[in-house]
Amino acid sequence: MTHEMTESQHIVDQYQRRVSTRPVLRNERQPKSNIWFFDSPKNNCRSIIEGDLPFLYAVLLEGDVSVASYQVSPEPFIVQAGGASTLVAVGARVQLINRTSQWWDFRRLEGLSAAKRKAALKNEGKSALAQSVGVEYHIKTDIDFRGQETAFDNWLLLCAAITRCRGHLLVRERQHLSRYLTQHETMTLSTLLDIQDIDAAYMNAVVALSLQQGIVSTNLTTQLYGPHSILRRGNQ
């Protein structure tokens, strides 16, 4: 058994992850916004994300164990409510593990007056529509993001660790982590990386996937992730 993709699998994977910039540039909603190309481990695809704020929240969604999948800047979609069909455009659609859904919009409030902030956060029509079809509606802002910078940095690093080893089986590293979790309540990342017969990049990917799935946990909100991070069993 090999740790690598076959050549044909690799070609298919690379093809599926190719994205065209032309539609994005042609239909760009905010001409002065940044465009991000992001390999999402949670969605197992490459996404094109327009704007810094949606990108920041997309990375945070990667680390939310309650989230099964998400789409940023999805195509407008039709919902049936009150006997009428309504075309809906949202900043993101989020599917949770418990099979409920959320609609998100993004707003920048920094530098706005109190009156303009209040106006930016008003969207009773979309909120009522979401409620009528059993969906939660949220507006995510740059103000809300404050205090989550460390978590963002950590999950950007962890997503990169997973992406670098995409297509590798990681069997040996999974076995070592499973054994350590059986024998120890806590361990440091460096303990796992020091195991003699493992590949450090593979182990980093296995730990990152385990954090994403809630198999292990560590402090990612106030401490930068690294060799001295203390890993614990379960999503504590």
C-alpha atoms as a PDB file:
ATOM      1  CA  MET A   1       0.000   0.000   0.000  1.00  0.00           C
ATOM      2  CA  THR A   2       1.347   3.433  -0.888  1.00  0.00           C
ATOM      3  CA  HIS A   3       1.068   6.730   0.950  1.00  0.00           C
ATOM      4  CA  GLU A   4       0.758   8.596  -2.339  1.00  0.00           C
ATOM      5  CA  MET A   5      -2.043   9.216  -4.796  1.00  0.00           C
ATOM      6  CA  THR A   6      -1.777   7.344  -8.064  1.00  0.00           C
ATOM      7  CA  GLU A   7      -0.786   9.577 -10.965  1.00  0.00           C
ATOM      8  CA  SER A   8      -4.312   9.477 -12.426  1.00  0.00           C
ATOM      9  CA  GLN A   9      -5.883  10.358  -9.043  1.00  0.00           C
ATOM     10  CA  HIS A  10      -3.474  13.266  -8.686  1.00  0.00           C
ATOM     11  CA  ILE A  11      -4.384  14.595 -12.142  1.00  0.00           C
ATOM     12  CA  VAL A  12      -8.126  14.350 -11.358  1.00  0.00           C
ATOM     13  CA  ASP A  13      -7.629  16.075  -7.990  1.00  0.00           C
ATOM     14  CA  GLN A  14      -5.641  18.907  -9.547  1.00  0.00           C
ATOM     15  CA  TYR A  15      -8.250  19.321 -12.289  1.00  0.00           C
ATOM     16  CA  GLN A  16     -11.120  19.480  -9.786  1.00  0.00           C
ATOM     17  CA  ARG A  17      -9.275  22.187  -7.830  1.00  0.00           C
ATOM     18  CA  ARG A  18      -8.588  24.394 -10.827  1.00  0.00           C
ATOM     19  CA  VAL A  19     -10.634  27.574 -10.677  1.00  0.00           C
ATOM     20  CA  SER A  20     -11.000  30.306 -13.252  1.00  0.00           C
ATOM     21  CA  THR A  21     -10.356  33.913 -12.294  1.00  0.00           C
ATOM     22  CA  ARG A  22     -12.246  35.371 -15.251  1.00  0.00           C
ATOM     23  CA  PRO A  23     -15.816  35.043 -13.899  1.00  0.00           C
ATOM     24  CA  VAL A  24     -14.735  36.505 -10.564  1.00  0.00           C
ATOM     25  CA  LEU A  25     -12.988  39.490 -12.087  1.00  0.00           C
ATOM     26  CA  ARG A  26     -15.803  40.076 -14.563  1.00  0.00           C
ATOM     27  CA  ASN A  27     -18.565  39.911 -11.938  1.00  0.00           C
ATOM     28  CA  GLU A  28     -16.630  41.387  -9.036  1.00  0.00           C
ATOM     29  CA  ARG A  29     -19.095  43.006  -6.643  1.00  0.00           C
ATOM     30  CA  GLN A  30     -16.496  45.175  -4.920  1.00  0.00           C
ATOM     31  CA  PRO A  31     -13.803  46.239  -7.428  1.00  0.00           C
ATOM     32  CA  LYS A  32     -11.388  47.337  -4.699  1.00  0.00           C
ATOM     33  CA  SER A  33     -11.676  44.182  -2.581  1.00  0.00           C
ATOM     34  CA  ASN A  34      -9.088  41.414  -2.361  1.00  0.00           C
ATOM     35  CA  ILE A  35      -9.764  38.039  -3.956  1.00  0.00           C
ATOM     36  CA  TRP A  36      -8.646  34.944  -2.038  1.00  0.00           C
ATOM     37  CA  PHE A  37      -8.050  31.459  -3.443  1.00  0.00           C
ATOM     38  CA  PHE A  38      -8.474  29.103  -0.517  1.00  0.00           C
ATOM     39  CA  ASP A  39      -8.137  25.320  -0.298  1.00  0.00           C
ATOM     40  CA  SER A  40     -10.807  24.382   2.231  1.00  0.00           C
ATOM     41  CA  PRO A  41     -10.161  21.075   4.034  1.00  0.00           C
ATOM     42  CA  LYS A  42     -13.692  21.105   5.455  1.00  0.00           C
ATOM     43  CA  ASN A  43     -15.321  21.477   2.035  1.00  0.00           C
ATOM     44  CA  ASN A  44     -12.622  19.500   0.212  1.00  0.00           C
ATOM     45  CA  CYS A  45     -12.456  22.042  -2.588  1.00  0.00           C
ATOM     46  CA  ARG A  46     -10.745  25.229  -3.683  1.00  0.00           C
ATOM     47  CA  SER A  47     -12.852  28.318  -3.122  1.00  0.00           C
ATOM     48  CA  ILE A  48     -12.673  31.812  -4.563  1.00  0.00           C
ATOM     49  CA  ILE A  49     -13.580  34.320  -1.862  1.00  0.00           C
ATOM     50  CA  GLU A  50     -14.085  37.990  -2.610  1.00  0.00           C
ATOM     51  CA  GLY A  51     -13.247  40.341   0.241  1.00  0.00           C
ATOM     52  CA  ASP A  52     -11.159  40.099   3.389  1.00  0.00           C
ATOM     53  CA  LEU A  53     -14.034  39.792   5.857  1.00  0.00           C
ATOM     54  CA  PRO A  54     -15.649  36.723   4.218  1.00  0.00           C
ATOM     55  CA  PHE A  55     -12.193  35.121   4.013  1.00  0.00           C
ATOM     56  CA  LEU A  56     -11.492  35.745   7.705  1.00  0.00           C
ATOM     57  CA  TYR A  57     -14.758  34.097   8.696  1.00  0.00           C
ATOM     58  CA  ALA A  58     -14.275  31.208   6.253  1.00  0.00           C
ATOM     59  CA  VAL A  59     -11.021  30.286   7.983  1.00  0.00           C
ATOM     60  CA  LEU A  60     -12.745  30.433  11.382  1.00  0.00           C
ATOM     61  CA  LEU A  61     -15.484  28.120  10.074  1.00  0.00           C
ATOM     62  CA  GLU A  62     -12.798  25.542   9.319  1.00  0.00           C
ATOM     63  CA  GLY A  63     -12.179  25.250  13.055  1.00  0.00           C
ATOM     64  CA  ASP A  64     -15.810  25.194  14.188  1.00  0.00           C
ATOM     65  CA  VAL A  65     -16.598  21.578  15.088  1.00  0.00           C
ATOM     66  CA  SER A  66     -20.340  22.285  14.895  1.00  0.00           C
ATOM     67  CA  VAL A  67     -20.059  23.150  11.178  1.00  0.00           C
ATOM     68  CA  ALA A  68     -20.295  20.373   8.589  1.00  0.00           C
ATOM     69  CA  SER A  69     -19.720  22.519   5.491  1.00  0.00           C
ATOM     70  CA  TYR A  70     -20.189  26.024   4.153  1.00  0.00           C
ATOM     71  CA  GLN A  71     -20.302  28.104   0.986  1.00  0.00           C
ATOM     72  CA  VAL A  72     -19.016  31.665   0.807  1.00  0.00           C
ATOM     73  CA  SER A  73     -20.625  33.927  -1.818  1.00  0.00           C
ATOM     74  CA  PRO A  74     -22.952  31.201  -3.111  1.00  0.00           C
ATOM     75  CA  GLU A  75     -25.039  31.746  -6.215  1.00  0.00           C
ATOM     76  CA  PRO A  76     -28.441  33.348  -5.465  1.00  0.00           C
ATOM     77  CA  PHE A  77     -31.057  30.689  -4.756  1.00  0.00           C
ATOM     78  CA  ILE A  78     -34.841  30.465  -4.672  1.00  0.00           C
ATOM     79  CA  VAL A  79     -36.811  29.684  -1.517  1.00  0.00           C
ATOM     80  CA  GLN A  80     -40.518  28.966  -1.242  1.00  0.00           C
ATOM     81  CA  ALA A  81     -42.232  30.792   1.614  1.00  0.00           C
ATOM     82  CA  GLY A  82     -45.773  32.026   2.144  1.00  0.00           C
ATOM     83  CA  GLY A  83     -46.861  30.682  -1.219  1.00  0.00           C
ATOM     84  CA  ALA A  84     -44.289  32.796  -3.055  1.00  0.00           C
ATOM     85  CA  SER A  85     -40.885  32.183  -4.615  1.00  0.00           C
ATOM     86  CA  THR A  86     -38.137  34.542  -3.480  1.00  0.00           C
ATOM     87  CA  LEU A  87     -34.638  34.893  -4.901  1.00  0.00           C
ATOM     88  CA  VAL A  88     -32.157  35.125  -2.033  1.00  0.00           C
ATOM     89  CA  ALA A  89     -28.546  36.326  -2.096  1.00  0.00           C
ATOM     90  CA  VAL A  90     -26.414  35.889   1.024  1.00  0.00           C
ATOM     91  CA  GLY A  91     -22.755  36.199   1.936  1.00  0.00           C
ATOM     92  CA  ALA A  92     -22.507  32.576   3.078  1.00  0.00           C
ATOM     93  CA  ARG A  93     -24.571  29.447   3.623  1.00  0.00           C
ATOM     94  CA  VAL A  94     -23.507  27.343   6.603  1.00  0.00           C
ATOM     95  CA  GLN A  95     -24.585  23.749   7.215  1.00  0.00           C
ATOM     96  CA  LEU A  96     -24.243  22.482  10.776  1.00  0.00           C
ATOM     97  CA  ILE A  97     -23.563  18.970  12.044  1.00  0.00           C
ATOM     98  CA  ASN A  98     -27.062  18.879  13.560  1.00  0.00           C
ATOM     99  CA  ARG A  99     -28.469  19.358  10.014  1.00  0.00           C
ATOM    100  CA  THR A 100     -29.689  22.895  10.587  1.00  0.00           C
ATOM    101  CA  SER A 101     -28.619  25.749   8.329  1.00  0.00           C
ATOM    102  CA  GLN A 102     -27.641  29.378   8.646  1.00  0.00           C
ATOM    103  CA  TRP A 103     -27.468  32.322   6.260  1.00  0.00           C
ATOM    104  CA  TRP A 104     -24.739  34.875   6.836  1.00  0.00           C
ATOM    105  CA  ASP A 105     -24.123  38.354   5.511  1.00  0.00           C
ATOM    106  CA  PHE A 106     -20.982  40.404   6.104  1.00  0.00           C
ATOM    107  CA  ARG A 107     -20.780  44.078   7.033  1.00  0.00           C
ATOM    108  CA  ARG A 108     -17.876  46.433   7.701  1.00  0.00           C
ATOM    109  CA  LEU A 109     -18.743  48.802  10.537  1.00  0.00           C
ATOM    110  CA  GLU A 110     -15.331  50.270  11.365  1.00  0.00           C
ATOM    111  CA  GLY A 111     -15.359  54.030  10.865  1.00  0.00           C
ATOM    112  CA  LEU A 112     -19.140  54.306  10.472  1.00  0.00           C
ATOM    113  CA  SER A 113     -21.252  56.581  12.615  1.00  0.00           C
ATOM    114  CA  ALA A 114     -23.679  55.034  15.087  1.00  0.00           C
ATOM    115  CA  ALA A 115     -26.596  55.770  12.751  1.00  0.00           C
ATOM    116  CA  LYS A 116     -24.876  54.166   9.752  1.00  0.00           C
ATOM    117  CA  ARG A 117     -23.911  51.129  11.825  1.00  0.00           C
ATOM    118  CA  LYS A 118     -27.512  50.675  12.876  1.00  0.00           C
ATOM    119  CA  ALA A 119     -28.665  50.955   9.266  1.00  0.00           C
ATOM    120  CA  ALA A 120     -26.034  48.445   8.098  1.00  0.00           C
ATOM    121  CA  LEU A 121     -27.244  45.881  10.622  1.00  0.00           C
ATOM    122  CA  LYS A 122     -30.927  46.177   9.692  1.00  0.00           C
ATOM    123  CA  ASN A 123     -32.278  43.451   7.463  1.00  0.00           C
ATOM    124  CA  GLU A 124     -35.665  42.488   8.823  1.00  0.00           C
ATOM    125  CA  GLY A 125     -36.856  41.180   5.462  1.00  0.00           C
ATOM    126  CA  LYS A 126     -34.111  38.593   5.046  1.00  0.00           C
ATOM    127  CA  SER A 127     -34.211  37.685   8.733  1.00  0.00           C
ATOM    128  CA  ALA A 128     -37.969  37.081   8.593  1.00  0.00           C
ATOM    129  CA  LEU A 129     -37.625  35.059   5.396  1.00  0.00           C
ATOM    130  CA  ALA A 130     -34.936  32.890   6.964  1.00  0.00           C
ATOM    131  CA  GLN A 131     -37.074  32.292  10.033  1.00  0.00           C
ATOM    132  CA  SER A 132     -40.042  31.307   7.870  1.00  0.00           C
ATOM    133  CA  VAL A 133     -38.026  28.499   6.263  1.00  0.00           C
ATOM    134  CA  GLY A 134     -36.368  27.349   9.490  1.00  0.00           C
ATOM    135  CA  VAL A 135     -32.964  28.934   8.913  1.00  0.00           C
ATOM    136  CA  GLU A 136     -30.971  31.175  11.265  1.00  0.00           C
ATOM    137  CA  TYR A 137     -29.819  34.516   9.864  1.00  0.00           C
ATOM    138  CA  HIS A 138     -26.685  36.291  11.112  1.00  0.00           C
ATOM    139  CA  ILE A 139     -24.774  39.412  10.141  1.00  0.00           C
ATOM    140  CA  LYS A 140     -21.035  39.022  10.759  1.00  0.00           C
ATOM    141  CA  THR A 141     -18.997  42.204  11.127  1.00  0.00           C
ATOM    142  CA  ASP A 142     -15.407  43.345  11.452  1.00  0.00           C
ATOM    143  CA  ILE A 143     -16.253  44.438  15.005  1.00  0.00           C
ATOM    144  CA  ASP A 144     -17.378  40.884  15.848  1.00  0.00           C
ATOM    145  CA  PHE A 145     -14.080  39.556  14.514  1.00  0.00           C
ATOM    146  CA  ARG A 146     -12.060  41.435  17.120  1.00  0.00           C
ATOM    147  CA  GLY A 147     -10.447  39.050  19.567  1.00  0.00           C
ATOM    148  CA  GLN A 148     -10.431  36.176  17.063  1.00  0.00           C
ATOM    149  CA  GLU A 149      -7.183  37.110  15.333  1.00  0.00           C
ATOM    150  CA  THR A 150      -5.176  34.375  17.070  1.00  0.00           C
ATOM    151  CA  ALA A 151      -7.746  31.722  16.183  1.00  0.00           C
ATOM    152  CA  PHE A 152      -7.626  32.908  12.567  1.00  0.00           C
ATOM    153  CA  ASP A 153      -3.818  32.684  12.442  1.00  0.00           C
ATOM    154  CA  ASN A 154      -3.904  29.211  13.973  1.00  0.00           C
ATOM    155  CA  TRP A 155      -6.541  27.815  11.641  1.00  0.00           C
ATOM    156  CA  LEU A 156      -4.835  29.271   8.591  1.00  0.00           C
ATOM    157  CA  LEU A 157      -1.707  27.359   9.663  1.00  0.00           C
ATOM    158  CA  LEU A 158      -3.679  24.173  10.379  1.00  0.00           C
ATOM    159  CA  CYS A 159      -5.514  24.319   7.047  1.00  0.00           C
ATOM    160  CA  ALA A 160      -2.158  24.622   5.286  1.00  0.00           C
ATOM    161  CA  ALA A 161      -0.869  21.572   7.189  1.00  0.00           C
ATOM    162  CA  ILE A 162      -3.864  19.529   6.020  1.00  0.00           C
ATOM    163  CA  THR A 163      -3.649  20.758   2.431  1.00  0.00           C
ATOM    164  CA  ARG A 164       0.051  19.934   2.127  1.00  0.00           C
ATOM    165  CA  CYS A 165      -0.694  16.273   2.865  1.00  0.00           C
ATOM    166  CA  ARG A 166      -3.913  15.961   0.879  1.00  0.00           C
ATOM    167  CA  GLY A 167      -3.995  12.609  -0.911  1.00  0.00           C
ATOM    168  CA  HIS A 168      -1.671  10.861   1.559  1.00  0.00           C
ATOM    169  CA  LEU A 169      -3.055   8.042   3.691  1.00  0.00           C
ATOM    170  CA  LEU A 170      -1.354   9.036   6.973  1.00  0.00           C
ATOM    171  CA  VAL A 171      -2.029   5.569   8.408  1.00  0.00           C
ATOM    172  CA  ARG A 172       1.067   5.266  10.594  1.00  0.00           C
ATOM    173  CA  GLU A 173       0.651   8.738  12.067  1.00  0.00           C
ATOM    174  CA  ARG A 174      -3.046   8.127  12.815  1.00  0.00           C
ATOM    175  CA  GLN A 175      -2.132   4.924  14.632  1.00  0.00           C
ATOM    176  CA  HIS A 176       0.476   6.682  16.759  1.00  0.00           C
ATOM    177  CA  LEU A 177      -1.930   9.478  17.687  1.00  0.00           C
ATOM    178  CA  SER A 178      -4.664   6.972  18.541  1.00  0.00           C
ATOM    179  CA  ARG A 179      -2.295   5.058  20.813  1.00  0.00           C
ATOM    180  CA  TYR A 180      -1.143   8.222  22.570  1.00  0.00           C
ATOM    181  CA  LEU A 181      -4.751   9.315  23.112  1.00  0.00           C
ATOM    182  CA  THR A 182      -5.513   5.934  24.677  1.00  0.00           C
ATOM    183  CA  GLN A 183      -2.536   6.125  27.021  1.00  0.00           C
ATOM    184  CA  HIS A 184      -2.422   9.833  27.900  1.00  0.00           C
ATOM    185  CA  GLU A 185      -4.940  12.487  28.906  1.00  0.00           C
ATOM    186  CA  THR A 186      -2.702  15.247  27.526  1.00  0.00           C
ATOM    187  CA  MET A 187       0.418  15.525  25.377  1.00  0.00           C
ATOM    188  CA  THR A 188       2.361  18.227  23.574  1.00  0.00           C
ATOM    189  CA  LEU A 189       2.610  18.451  19.823  1.00  0.00           C
ATOM    190  CA  SER A 190       6.391  18.128  20.105  1.00  0.00           C
ATOM    191  CA  THR A 191       5.946  14.728  21.803  1.00  0.00           C
ATOM    192  CA  LEU A 192       4.153  13.449  18.717  1.00  0.00           C
ATOM    193  CA  LEU A 193       6.614  15.055  16.308  1.00  0.00           C
ATOM    194  CA  ASP A 194       9.533  13.403  18.130  1.00  0.00           C
ATOM    195  CA  ILE A 195       8.263   9.860  17.455  1.00  0.00           C
ATOM    196  CA  GLN A 196      11.016   8.102  15.525  1.00  0.00           C
ATOM    197  CA  ASP A 197       9.216   6.410  12.624  1.00  0.00           C
ATOM    198  CA  ILE A 198       6.788   9.145  11.580  1.00  0.00           C
ATOM    199  CA  ASP A 199       6.817  11.910   9.008  1.00  0.00           C
ATOM    200  CA  ALA A 200       6.506  15.259  10.803  1.00  0.00           C
ATOM    201  CA  ALA A 201       4.410  16.824   8.031  1.00  0.00           C
ATOM    202  CA  TYR A 202       2.038  13.845   8.107  1.00  0.00           C
ATOM    203  CA  MET A 203       1.718  14.059  11.890  1.00  0.00           C
ATOM    204  CA  ASN A 204       1.013  17.787  11.688  1.00  0.00           C
ATOM    205  CA  ALA A 205      -1.766  17.041   9.202  1.00  0.00           C
ATOM    206  CA  VAL A 206      -3.220  14.263  11.378  1.00  0.00           C
ATOM    207  CA  VAL A 207      -3.287  16.511  14.445  1.00  0.00           C
ATOM    208  CA  ALA A 208      -4.830  19.358  12.427  1.00  0.00           C
ATOM    209  CA  LEU A 209      -7.560  17.039  11.120  1.00  0.00           C
ATOM    210  CA  SER A 210      -8.159  15.734  14.644  1.00  0.00           C
ATOM    211  CA  LEU A 211      -8.536  19.292  15.940  1.00  0.00           C
ATOM    212  CA  GLN A 212     -10.970  20.057  13.134  1.00  0.00           C
ATOM    213  CA  GLN A 213     -13.030  16.957  13.940  1.00  0.00           C
ATOM    214  CA  GLY A 214     -12.999  17.496  17.709  1.00  0.00           C
ATOM    215  CA  ILE A 215     -10.992  14.324  18.395  1.00  0.00           C
ATOM    216  CA  VAL A 216      -8.413  16.432  20.233  1.00  0.00           C
ATOM    217  CA  SER A 217      -8.443  20.015  21.462  1.00  0.00           C
ATOM    218  CA  THR A 218      -5.989  22.722  22.442  1.00  0.00           C
ATOM    219  CA  ASN A 219      -6.074  26.437  23.159  1.00  0.00           C
ATOM    220  CA  LEU A 220      -6.295  28.075  19.743  1.00  0.00           C
ATOM    221  CA  THR A 221      -8.028  31.276  20.826  1.00  0.00           C
ATOM    222  CA  THR A 222      -5.361  32.967  22.959  1.00  0.00           C
ATOM    223  CA  GLN A 223      -2.153  31.032  22.190  1.00  0.00           C
ATOM    224  CA  LEU A 224      -0.351  30.531  18.903  1.00  0.00           C
ATOM    225  CA  TYR A 225      -0.256  26.888  17.855  1.00  0.00           C
ATOM    226  CA  GLY A 226       3.166  25.255  17.889  1.00  0.00           C
ATOM    227  CA  PRO A 227       5.358  22.457  19.288  1.00  0.00           C
ATOM    228  CA  HIS A 228       4.527  23.375  22.899  1.00  0.00           C
ATOM    229  CA  SER A 229       0.749  23.324  22.376  1.00  0.00           C
ATOM    230  CA  ILE A 230      -0.914  20.968  24.863  1.00  0.00           C
ATOM    231  CA  LEU A 231      -3.301  18.540  23.179  1.00  0.00           C
ATOM    232  CA  ARG A 232      -6.204  17.005  25.104  1.00  0.00           C
ATOM    233  CA  ARG A 233      -8.563  14.177  24.294  1.00  0.00           C
ATOM    234  CA  GLY A 234     -11.921  15.315  22.958  1.00  0.00           C
ATOM    235  CA  ASN A 235     -13.374  18.743  22.285  1.00  0.00           C
ATOM    236  CA  GLN A 236     -12.764  20.317  25.710  1.00  0.00           C
END
